[in-house]
PDB file of N, CA and C in Angstrom:
ATOM      1  N   MET A   1      -4.120  51.215  29.557  1.00  0.00           N
ATOM      2  CA  MET A   1      -2.987  50.906  30.399  1.00  0.00           C
ATOM      3  C   MET A   1      -1.862  51.871  30.046  1.00  0.00           C
ATOM      4  N   VAL A   2      -1.177  52.362  31.063  1.00  0.00           N
ATOM      5  CA  VAL A   2      -0.078  53.299  30.869  1.00  0.00           C
ATOM      6  C   VAL A   2       1.126  52.794  31.650  1.00  0.00           C
ATOM      7  N   SER A   3       2.264  52.701  30.995  1.00  0.00           N
ATOM      8  CA  SER A   3       3.507  52.342  31.667  1.00  0.00           C
ATOM      9  C   SER A   3       4.091  53.606  32.270  1.00  0.00           C
ATOM     10  N   ILE A   4       4.179  53.652  33.579  1.00  0.00           N
ATOM     11  CA  ILE A   4       4.617  54.873  34.251  1.00  0.00           C
ATOM     12  C   ILE A   4       6.120  55.066  34.130  1.00  0.00           C
ATOM     13  N   THR A   5       6.901  53.999  34.289  1.00  0.00           N
ATOM     14  CA  THR A   5       8.358  54.157  34.300  1.00  0.00           C
ATOM     15  C   THR A   5       8.906  54.549  32.930  1.00  0.00           C
ATOM     16  N   GLN A   6       8.318  54.013  31.846  1.00  0.00           N
ATOM     17  CA  GLN A   6       8.792  54.366  30.509  1.00  0.00           C
ATOM     18  C   GLN A   6       7.920  55.438  29.859  1.00  0.00           C
ATOM     19  N   GLN A   7       6.851  55.819  30.506  1.00  0.00           N
ATOM     20  CA  GLN A   7       5.902  56.809  30.001  1.00  0.00           C
ATOM     21  C   GLN A   7       5.411  56.455  28.604  1.00  0.00           C
ATOM     22  N   ILE A   8       4.946  55.202  28.477  1.00  0.00           N
ATOM     23  CA  ILE A   8       4.378  54.738  27.218  1.00  0.00           C
ATOM     24  C   ILE A   8       2.887  54.533  27.443  1.00  0.00           C
ATOM     25  N   ASP A   9       2.068  55.136  26.608  1.00  0.00           N
ATOM     26  CA  ASP A   9       0.624  54.984  26.695  1.00  0.00           C
ATOM     27  C   ASP A   9       0.215  53.806  25.818  1.00  0.00           C
ATOM     28  N   LEU A  10      -0.291  52.744  26.444  1.00  0.00           N
ATOM     29  CA  LEU A  10      -0.653  51.540  25.701  1.00  0.00           C
ATOM     30  C   LEU A  10      -2.144  51.483  25.387  1.00  0.00           C
ATOM     31  N   THR A  11      -2.851  52.571  25.600  1.00  0.00           N
ATOM     32  CA  THR A  11      -4.269  52.603  25.257  1.00  0.00           C
ATOM     33  C   THR A  11      -4.418  52.963  23.788  1.00  0.00           C
ATOM     34  N   GLY A  12      -5.495  52.580  23.203  1.00  0.00           N
ATOM     35  CA  GLY A  12      -5.750  52.903  21.803  1.00  0.00           C
ATOM     36  C   GLY A  12      -5.063  51.925  20.864  1.00  0.00           C
ATOM     37  N   ALA A  13      -5.308  52.107  19.588  1.00  0.00           N
ATOM     38  CA  ALA A  13      -4.793  51.188  18.568  1.00  0.00           C
ATOM     39  C   ALA A  13      -3.268  51.201  18.494  1.00  0.00           C
ATOM     40  N   VAL A  14      -2.675  52.384  18.520  1.00  0.00           N
ATOM     41  CA  VAL A  14      -1.212  52.486  18.432  1.00  0.00           C
ATOM     42  C   VAL A  14      -0.559  51.890  19.679  1.00  0.00           C
ATOM     43  N   GLY A  15      -1.143  52.147  20.830  1.00  0.00           N
ATOM     44  CA  GLY A  15      -0.606  51.596  22.070  1.00  0.00           C
ATOM     45  C   GLY A  15      -0.662  50.081  22.090  1.00  0.00           C
ATOM     46  N   ARG A  16      -1.782  49.514  21.598  1.00  0.00           N
ATOM     47  CA  ARG A  16      -1.893  48.050  21.528  1.00  0.00           C
ATOM     48  C   ARG A  16      -0.870  47.476  20.557  1.00  0.00           C
ATOM     49  N   MET A  17      -0.619  48.183  19.455  1.00  0.00           N
ATOM     50  CA  MET A  17       0.371  47.712  18.492  1.00  0.00           C
ATOM     51  C   MET A  17       1.767  47.726  19.125  1.00  0.00           C
ATOM     52  N   ILE A  18       2.101  48.798  19.832  1.00  0.00           N
ATOM     53  CA  ILE A  18       3.404  48.893  20.496  1.00  0.00           C
ATOM     54  C   ILE A  18       3.542  47.784  21.537  1.00  0.00           C
ATOM     55  N   ALA A  19       2.473  47.552  22.292  1.00  0.00           N
ATOM     56  CA  ALA A  19       2.499  46.488  23.298  1.00  0.00           C
ATOM     57  C   ALA A  19       2.706  45.141  22.638  1.00  0.00           C
ATOM     58  N   SER A  20       2.040  44.889  21.522  1.00  0.00           N
ATOM     59  CA  SER A  20       2.186  43.613  20.807  1.00  0.00           C
ATOM     60  C   SER A  20       3.619  43.405  20.343  1.00  0.00           C
ATOM     61  N   VAL A  21       4.223  44.454  19.810  1.00  0.00           N
ATOM     62  CA  VAL A  21       5.612  44.359  19.351  1.00  0.00           C
ATOM     63  C   VAL A  21       6.542  44.081  20.541  1.00  0.00           C
ATOM     64  N   MET A  22       6.327  44.812  21.646  1.00  0.00           N
ATOM     65  CA  MET A  22       7.179  44.609  22.825  1.00  0.00           C
ATOM     66  C   MET A  22       7.028  43.198  23.379  1.00  0.00           C
ATOM     67  N   PHE A  23       5.776  42.701  23.465  1.00  0.00           N
ATOM     68  CA  PHE A  23       5.553  41.350  23.973  1.00  0.00           C
ATOM     69  C   PHE A  23       6.135  40.311  23.028  1.00  0.00           C
ATOM     70  N   GLY A  24       6.055  40.568  21.723  1.00  0.00           N
ATOM     71  CA  GLY A  24       6.642  39.653  20.741  1.00  0.00           C
ATOM     72  C   GLY A  24       8.148  39.567  20.892  1.00  0.00           C
ATOM     73  N   LEU A  25       8.800  40.713  21.075  1.00  0.00           N
ATOM     74  CA  LEU A  25      10.252  40.722  21.276  1.00  0.00           C
ATOM     75  C   LEU A  25      10.630  40.004  22.571  1.00  0.00           C
ATOM     76  N   ALA A  26       9.816  40.195  23.612  1.00  0.00           N
ATOM     77  CA  ALA A  26      10.085  39.506  24.880  1.00  0.00           C
ATOM     78  C   ALA A  26       9.967  37.997  24.707  1.00  0.00           C
ATOM     79  N   GLU A  27       8.987  37.553  23.931  1.00  0.00           N
ATOM     80  CA  GLU A  27       8.818  36.122  23.695  1.00  0.00           C
ATOM     81  C   GLU A  27       9.989  35.556  22.903  1.00  0.00           C
ATOM     82  N   ILE A  28      10.469  36.294  21.911  1.00  0.00           N
ATOM     83  CA  ILE A  28      11.634  35.848  21.133  1.00  0.00           C
ATOM     84  C   ILE A  28      12.853  35.727  22.039  1.00  0.00           C
ATOM     85  N   GLU A  29      13.086  36.714  22.898  1.00  0.00           N
ATOM     86  CA  GLU A  29      14.219  36.672  23.817  1.00  0.00           C
ATOM     87  C   GLU A  29      14.095  35.492  24.766  1.00  0.00           C
ATOM     88  N   HIS A  30      12.880  35.213  25.215  1.00  0.00           N
ATOM     89  CA  HIS A  30      12.656  34.066  26.102  1.00  0.00           C
ATOM     90  C   HIS A  30      13.042  32.761  25.397  1.00  0.00           C
ATOM     91  N   GLU A  31      12.646  32.622  24.147  1.00  0.00           N
ATOM     92  CA  GLU A  31      12.994  31.414  23.378  1.00  0.00           C
ATOM     93  C   GLU A  31      14.506  31.305  23.169  1.00  0.00           C
ATOM     94  N   TYR A  32      15.159  32.420  22.855  1.00  0.00           N
ATOM     95  CA  TYR A  32      16.619  32.406  22.687  1.00  0.00           C
ATOM     96  C   TYR A  32      17.312  31.991  23.986  1.00  0.00           C
ATOM     97  N   ARG A  33      16.809  32.510  25.103  1.00  0.00           N
ATOM     98  CA  ARG A  33      17.401  32.164  26.399  1.00  0.00           C
ATOM     99  C   ARG A  33      17.263  30.666  26.670  1.00  0.00           C
ATOM    100  N   ARG A  34      16.093  30.102  26.354  1.00  0.00           N
ATOM    101  CA  ARG A  34      15.887  28.662  26.557  1.00  0.00           C
ATOM    102  C   ARG A  34      16.818  27.846  25.665  1.00  0.00           C
ATOM    103  N   GLU A  35      16.994  28.297  24.420  1.00  0.00           N
ATOM    104  CA  GLU A  35      17.893  27.594  23.504  1.00  0.00           C
ATOM    105  C   GLU A  35      19.336  27.655  24.006  1.00  0.00           C
ATOM    106  N   ARG A  36      19.755  28.834  24.482  1.00  0.00           N
ATOM    107  CA  ARG A  36      21.122  28.967  25.008  1.00  0.00           C
ATOM    108  C   ARG A  36      21.315  28.090  26.240  1.00  0.00           C
ATOM    109  N   GLN A  37      20.306  28.041  27.092  1.00  0.00           N
ATOM    110  CA  GLN A  37      20.397  27.211  28.291  1.00  0.00           C
ATOM    111  C   GLN A  37      20.505  25.735  27.906  1.00  0.00           C
ATOM    112  N   ALA A  38      19.670  25.284  26.966  1.00  0.00           N
ATOM    113  CA  ALA A  38      19.715  23.890  26.535  1.00  0.00           C
ATOM    114  C   ALA A  38      21.065  23.560  25.907  1.00  0.00           C
ATOM    115  N   ALA A  39      21.611  24.500  25.116  1.00  0.00           N
ATOM    116  CA  ALA A  39      22.920  24.277  24.499  1.00  0.00           C
ATOM    117  C   ALA A  39      24.007  24.205  25.567  1.00  0.00           C
ATOM    118  N   GLY A  40      23.918  25.049  26.580  1.00  0.00           N
ATOM    119  CA  GLY A  40      24.896  25.021  27.668  1.00  0.00           C
ATOM    120  C   GLY A  40      24.834  23.731  28.455  1.00  0.00           C
ATOM    121  N   ILE A  41      23.631  23.261  28.723  1.00  0.00           N
ATOM    122  CA  ILE A  41      23.480  21.997  29.451  1.00  0.00           C
ATOM    123  C   ILE A  41      24.014  20.842  28.615  1.00  0.00           C
ATOM    124  N   ALA A  42      23.719  20.849  27.316  1.00  0.00           N
ATOM    125  CA  ALA A  42      24.215  19.790  26.433  1.00  0.00           C
ATOM    126  C   ALA A  42      25.749  19.782  26.402  1.00  0.00           C
ATOM    127  N   ALA A  43      26.360  20.962  26.331  1.00  0.00           N
ATOM    128  CA  ALA A  43      27.823  21.042  26.320  1.00  0.00           C
ATOM    129  C   ALA A  43      28.403  20.549  27.641  1.00  0.00           C
ATOM    130  N   ALA A  44      27.762  20.908  28.748  1.00  0.00           N
ATOM    131  CA  ALA A  44      28.238  20.468  30.062  1.00  0.00           C
ATOM    132  C   ALA A  44      28.101  18.960  30.210  1.00  0.00           C
ATOM    133  N   LYS A  45      27.031  18.400  29.656  1.00  0.00           N
ATOM    134  CA  LYS A  45      26.846  16.944  29.720  1.00  0.00           C
ATOM    135  C   LYS A  45      27.927  16.231  28.907  1.00  0.00           C
ATOM    136  N   ARG A  46      28.268  16.804  27.757  1.00  0.00           N
ATOM    137  CA  ARG A  46      29.330  16.193  26.934  1.00  0.00           C
ATOM    138  C   ARG A  46      30.657  16.192  27.679  1.00  0.00           C
ATOM    139  N   LYS A  47      30.914  17.250  28.454  1.00  0.00           N
ATOM    140  CA  LYS A  47      32.152  17.341  29.233  1.00  0.00           C
ATOM    141  C   LYS A  47      32.090  16.481  30.495  1.00  0.00           C
ATOM    142  N   GLY A  48      30.888  16.034  30.853  1.00  0.00           N
ATOM    143  CA  GLY A  48      30.727  15.237  32.063  1.00  0.00           C
ATOM    144  C   GLY A  48      30.605  16.076  33.322  1.00  0.00           C
ATOM    145  N   VAL A  49      30.355  17.363  33.163  1.00  0.00           N
ATOM    146  CA  VAL A  49      30.264  18.262  34.308  1.00  0.00           C
ATOM    147  C   VAL A  49      28.844  18.288  34.862  1.00  0.00           C
ATOM    148  N   TYR A  50      27.867  18.301  33.978  1.00  0.00           N
ATOM    149  CA  TYR A  50      26.466  18.427  34.381  1.00  0.00           C
ATOM    150  C   TYR A  50      25.850  17.041  34.477  1.00  0.00           C
ATOM    151  N   ARG A  51      25.344  16.727  35.641  1.00  0.00           N
ATOM    152  CA  ARG A  51      24.693  15.433  35.813  1.00  0.00           C
ATOM    153  C   ARG A  51      23.204  15.590  36.124  1.00  0.00           C
ATOM    154  N   GLY A  52      22.797  16.758  36.548  1.00  0.00           N
ATOM    155  CA  GLY A  52      21.397  16.982  36.880  1.00  0.00           C
ATOM    156  C   GLY A  52      21.072  16.439  38.258  1.00  0.00           C
ATOM    157  N   ARG A  53      19.831  16.582  38.623  1.00  0.00           N
ATOM    158  CA  ARG A  53      19.387  16.104  39.928  1.00  0.00           C
ATOM    159  C   ARG A  53      19.258  14.587  39.887  1.00  0.00           C
ATOM    160  N   VAL A  54      19.739  13.931  40.915  1.00  0.00           N
ATOM    161  CA  VAL A  54      19.626  12.480  40.988  1.00  0.00           C
ATOM    162  C   VAL A  54      18.169  12.147  41.261  1.00  0.00           C
ATOM    163  N   LYS A  55      17.601  11.295  40.437  1.00  0.00           N
ATOM    164  CA  LYS A  55      16.194  10.967  40.558  1.00  0.00           C
ATOM    165  C   LYS A  55      15.918  10.289  41.894  1.00  0.00           C
ATOM    166  N   GLY A  56      14.858  10.754  42.527  1.00  0.00           N
ATOM    167  CA  GLY A  56      14.437  10.141  43.777  1.00  0.00           C
ATOM    168  C   GLY A  56      15.051  10.754  45.017  1.00  0.00           C
ATOM    169  N   THR A  57      15.898  11.747  44.874  1.00  0.00           N
ATOM    170  CA  THR A  57      16.480  12.359  46.061  1.00  0.00           C
ATOM    171  C   THR A  57      15.515  13.383  46.627  1.00  0.00           C
ATOM    172  N   THR A  58      15.412  13.399  47.915  1.00  0.00           N
ATOM    173  CA  THR A  58      14.588  14.391  48.591  1.00  0.00           C
ATOM    174  C   THR A  58      15.368  14.906  49.782  1.00  0.00           C
ATOM    175  N   LYS A  59      15.019  16.105  50.213  1.00  0.00           N
ATOM    176  CA  LYS A  59      15.691  16.672  51.377  1.00  0.00           C
ATOM    177  C   LYS A  59      15.309  15.912  52.633  1.00  0.00           C
ATOM    178  N   VAL A  60      14.080  15.470  52.704  1.00  0.00           N
ATOM    179  CA  VAL A  60      13.578  14.783  53.882  1.00  0.00           C
ATOM    180  C   VAL A  60      12.763  13.588  53.408  1.00  0.00           C
ATOM    181  N   GLN A  61      12.837  12.524  54.146  1.00  0.00           N
ATOM    182  CA  GLN A  61      12.061  11.349  53.782  1.00  0.00           C
ATOM    183  C   GLN A  61      10.571  11.610  53.992  1.00  0.00           C
ATOM    184  N   PRO A  62       9.728  11.197  53.064  1.00  0.00           N
ATOM    185  CA  PRO A  62       8.290  11.378  53.225  1.00  0.00           C
ATOM    186  C   PRO A  62       7.750  10.682  54.473  1.00  0.00           C
ATOM    187  N   ALA A  63       8.360   9.589  54.862  1.00  0.00           N
ATOM    188  CA  ALA A  63       7.880   8.862  56.043  1.00  0.00           C
ATOM    189  C   ALA A  63       7.976   9.725  57.298  1.00  0.00           C
ATOM    190  N   ARG A  64       8.984  10.572  57.374  1.00  0.00           N
ATOM    191  CA  ARG A  64       9.120  11.453  58.543  1.00  0.00           C
ATOM    192  C   ARG A  64       7.961  12.437  58.598  1.00  0.00           C
ATOM    193  N   ALA A  65       7.582  12.988  57.463  1.00  0.00           N
ATOM    194  CA  ALA A  65       6.442  13.900  57.417  1.00  0.00           C
ATOM    195  C   ALA A  65       5.165  13.164  57.821  1.00  0.00           C
ATOM    196  N   GLN A  66       5.042  11.932  57.384  1.00  0.00           N
ATOM    197  CA  GLN A  66       3.857  11.149  57.724  1.00  0.00           C
ATOM    198  C   GLN A  66       3.802  10.821  59.209  1.00  0.00           C
ATOM    199  N   ARG A  67       4.954  10.560  59.818  1.00  0.00           N
ATOM    200  CA  ARG A  67       4.976  10.296  61.269  1.00  0.00           C
ATOM    201  C   ARG A  67       4.576  11.541  62.051  1.00  0.00           C
ATOM    202  N   LEU A  68       5.042  12.709  61.615  1.00  0.00           N
ATOM    203  CA  LEU A  68       4.662  13.952  62.284  1.00  0.00           C
ATOM    204  C   LEU A  68       3.170  14.221  62.130  1.00  0.00           C
ATOM    205  N   ARG A  69       2.632  13.892  60.967  1.00  0.00           N
ATOM    206  CA  ARG A  69       1.188  14.062  60.740  1.00  0.00           C
ATOM    207  C   ARG A  69       0.403  13.136  61.675  1.00  0.00           C
ATOM    208  N   ALA A  70       0.907  11.919  61.874  1.00  0.00           N
ATOM    209  CA  ALA A  70       0.245  10.967  62.766  1.00  0.00           C
ATOM    210  C   ALA A  70       0.245  11.475  64.213  1.00  0.00           C
ATOM    211  N   ARG A  71       1.217  12.289  64.565  1.00  0.00           N
ATOM    212  CA  ARG A  71       1.271  12.878  65.911  1.00  0.00           C
ATOM    213  C   ARG A  71       0.313  14.053  66.062  1.00  0.00           C
ATOM    214  N   GLY A  72      -0.311  14.477  64.954  1.00  0.00           N
ATOM    215  CA  GLY A  72      -1.306  15.540  65.024  1.00  0.00           C
ATOM    216  C   GLY A  72      -0.828  16.901  64.563  1.00  0.00           C
ATOM    217  N   LEU A  73       0.379  16.997  64.013  1.00  0.00           N
ATOM    218  CA  LEU A  73       0.864  18.286  63.525  1.00  0.00           C
ATOM    219  C   LEU A  73       0.157  18.649  62.223  1.00  0.00           C
ATOM    220  N   THR A  74      -0.016  19.945  62.001  1.00  0.00           N
ATOM    221  CA  THR A  74      -0.604  20.416  60.745  1.00  0.00           C
ATOM    222  C   THR A  74       0.481  20.465  59.673  1.00  0.00           C
ATOM    223  N   ALA A  75       0.047  20.589  58.418  1.00  0.00           N
ATOM    224  CA  ALA A  75       1.008  20.626  57.310  1.00  0.00           C
ATOM    225  C   ALA A  75       1.982  21.800  57.429  1.00  0.00           C
ATOM    226  N   PRO A  76       1.525  23.028  57.765  1.00  0.00           N
ATOM    227  CA  PRO A  76       2.494  24.121  57.920  1.00  0.00           C
ATOM    228  C   PRO A  76       3.482  23.870  59.061  1.00  0.00           C
ATOM    229  N   GLU A  77       3.021  23.241  60.145  1.00  0.00           N
ATOM    230  CA  GLU A  77       3.921  22.925  61.257  1.00  0.00           C
ATOM    231  C   GLU A  77       4.961  21.885  60.842  1.00  0.00           C
ATOM    232  N   ILE A  78       4.521  20.896  60.064  1.00  0.00           N
ATOM    233  CA  ILE A  78       5.443  19.865  59.567  1.00  0.00           C
ATOM    234  C   ILE A  78       6.469  20.508  58.640  1.00  0.00           C
ATOM    235  N   ALA A  79       6.005  21.408  57.773  1.00  0.00           N
ATOM    236  CA  ALA A  79       6.909  22.081  56.834  1.00  0.00           C
ATOM    237  C   ALA A  79       7.965  22.872  57.583  1.00  0.00           C
ATOM    238  N   THR A  80       7.568  23.568  58.627  1.00  0.00           N
ATOM    239  CA  THR A  80       8.524  24.344  59.423  1.00  0.00           C
ATOM    240  C   THR A  80       9.507  23.424  60.125  1.00  0.00           C
ATOM    241  N   ALA A  81       9.014  22.336  60.679  1.00  0.00           N
ATOM    242  CA  ALA A  81       9.879  21.403  61.407  1.00  0.00           C
ATOM    243  C   ALA A  81      10.901  20.740  60.491  1.00  0.00           C
ATOM    244  N   LEU A  82      10.502  20.455  59.252  1.00  0.00           N
ATOM    245  CA  LEU A  82      11.399  19.757  58.332  1.00  0.00           C
ATOM    246  C   LEU A  82      12.177  20.694  57.425  1.00  0.00           C
ATOM    247  N   GLY A  83      11.804  21.977  57.426  1.00  0.00           N
ATOM    248  CA  GLY A  83      12.503  22.942  56.586  1.00  0.00           C
ATOM    249  C   GLY A  83      12.181  22.788  55.114  1.00  0.00           C
ATOM    250  N   ILE A  84      10.947  22.403  54.819  1.00  0.00           N
ATOM    251  CA  ILE A  84      10.518  22.229  53.433  1.00  0.00           C
ATOM    252  C   ILE A  84       9.277  23.089  53.195  1.00  0.00           C
ATOM    253  N   HIS A  85       8.854  23.181  51.954  1.00  0.00           N
ATOM    254  CA  HIS A  85       7.684  23.975  51.589  1.00  0.00           C
ATOM    255  C   HIS A  85       6.416  23.201  51.961  1.00  0.00           C
ATOM    256  N   PRO A  86       5.378  23.893  52.401  1.00  0.00           N
ATOM    257  CA  PRO A  86       4.131  23.199  52.740  1.00  0.00           C
ATOM    258  C   PRO A  86       3.558  22.373  51.592  1.00  0.00           C
ATOM    259  N   ARG A  87       3.741  22.813  50.342  1.00  0.00           N
ATOM    260  CA  ARG A  87       3.254  22.016  49.209  1.00  0.00           C
ATOM    261  C   ARG A  87       3.927  20.659  49.159  1.00  0.00           C
ATOM    262  N   THR A  88       5.203  20.612  49.540  1.00  0.00           N
ATOM    263  CA  THR A  88       5.911  19.339  49.568  1.00  0.00           C
ATOM    264  C   THR A  88       5.296  18.422  50.614  1.00  0.00           C
ATOM    265  N   VAL A  89       4.935  18.986  51.755  1.00  0.00           N
ATOM    266  CA  VAL A  89       4.284  18.194  52.797  1.00  0.00           C
ATOM    267  C   VAL A  89       2.970  17.633  52.270  1.00  0.00           C
ATOM    268  N   PHE A  90       2.176  18.475  51.623  1.00  0.00           N
ATOM    269  CA  PHE A  90       0.903  17.998  51.081  1.00  0.00           C
ATOM    270  C   PHE A  90       1.129  16.898  50.051  1.00  0.00           C
ATOM    271  N   ARG A  91       2.189  17.015  49.243  1.00  0.00           N
ATOM    272  CA  ARG A  91       2.479  15.983  48.262  1.00  0.00           C
ATOM    273  C   ARG A  91       2.865  14.678  48.952  1.00  0.00           C
ATOM    274  N   TYR A  92       3.707  14.762  49.994  1.00  0.00           N
ATOM    275  CA  TYR A  92       4.077  13.568  50.748  1.00  0.00           C
ATOM    276  C   TYR A  92       2.851  12.896  51.337  1.00  0.00           C
ATOM    277  N   LEU A  93       1.959  13.682  51.919  1.00  0.00           N
ATOM    278  CA  LEU A  93       0.773  13.116  52.545  1.00  0.00           C
ATOM    279  C   LEU A  93      -0.195  12.557  51.500  1.00  0.00           C
ATOM    280  N   ALA A  94      -0.281  13.199  50.346  1.00  0.00           N
ATOM    281  CA  ALA A  94      -1.149  12.711  49.280  1.00  0.00           C
ATOM    282  C   ALA A  94      -0.633  11.398  48.725  1.00  0.00           C
ATOM    283  N   GLU A  95       0.694  11.240  48.641  1.00  0.00           N
ATOM    284  CA  GLU A  95       1.263   9.979  48.158  1.00  0.00           C
ATOM    285  C   GLU A  95       0.877   8.841  49.078  1.00  0.00           C
ATOM    286  N   ARG A  96       0.866   9.112  50.363  1.00  0.00           N
ATOM    287  CA  ARG A  96       0.504   8.087  51.316  1.00  0.00           C
ATOM    288  C   ARG A  96      -0.975   7.743  51.179  1.00  0.00           C
ATOM    289  N   THR A  97      -1.822   8.751  50.995  1.00  0.00           N
ATOM    290  CA  THR A  97      -3.249   8.537  50.824  1.00  0.00           C
ATOM    291  C   THR A  97      -3.517   7.753  49.547  1.00  0.00           C
ATOM    292  N   ALA A  98      -2.825   8.127  48.468  1.00  0.00           N
ATOM    293  CA  ALA A  98      -3.014   7.447  47.177  1.00  0.00           C
ATOM    294  C   ALA A  98      -2.598   5.983  47.266  1.00  0.00           C
ATOM    295  N   ALA A  99      -1.617   5.700  48.112  1.00  0.00           N
ATOM    296  CA  ALA A  99      -1.145   4.329  48.255  1.00  0.00           C
ATOM    297  C   ALA A  99      -2.057   3.520  49.180  1.00  0.00           C
ATOM    298  N   GLY A 100      -3.068   4.194  49.764  1.00  0.00           N
ATOM    299  CA  GLY A 100      -4.019   3.509  50.635  1.00  0.00           C
ATOM    300  C   GLY A 100      -3.486   3.224  52.020  1.00  0.00           C
ATOM    301  N   GLN A 101      -2.531   4.011  52.476  1.00  0.00           N
ATOM    302  CA  GLN A 101      -1.903   3.769  53.766  1.00  0.00           C
ATOM    303  C   GLN A 101      -2.532   4.572  54.886  1.00  0.00           C
ATOM    304  N   LEU A 102      -3.464   5.459  54.589  1.00  0.00           N
ATOM    305  CA  LEU A 102      -4.086   6.265  55.646  1.00  0.00           C
ATOM    306  C   LEU A 102      -5.302   5.606  56.197  1.00  0.00           C
TER     307      LEU A 102
END
């Protein structure tokens, strides 16, 4: 493997070692970022600024997606009509199936 933009050759033993060091540093930075984010959220919660997402809120009621499905619309059509992601539609429909309502 060769990095074209930085012109680093990652083939061979030395290249694998350089890649390992770079990936290790990236992982450390990722952990630091998560720690900083958690500390920021904790500080905001102490100030009463951060409340997070209210549990159970959805952009669209699942029942509306289910009614559109009953009319014969496909999941992508329902997603477009409701302005949500198709995976959300599938989740809404699966919840109804799991509850034995289909």
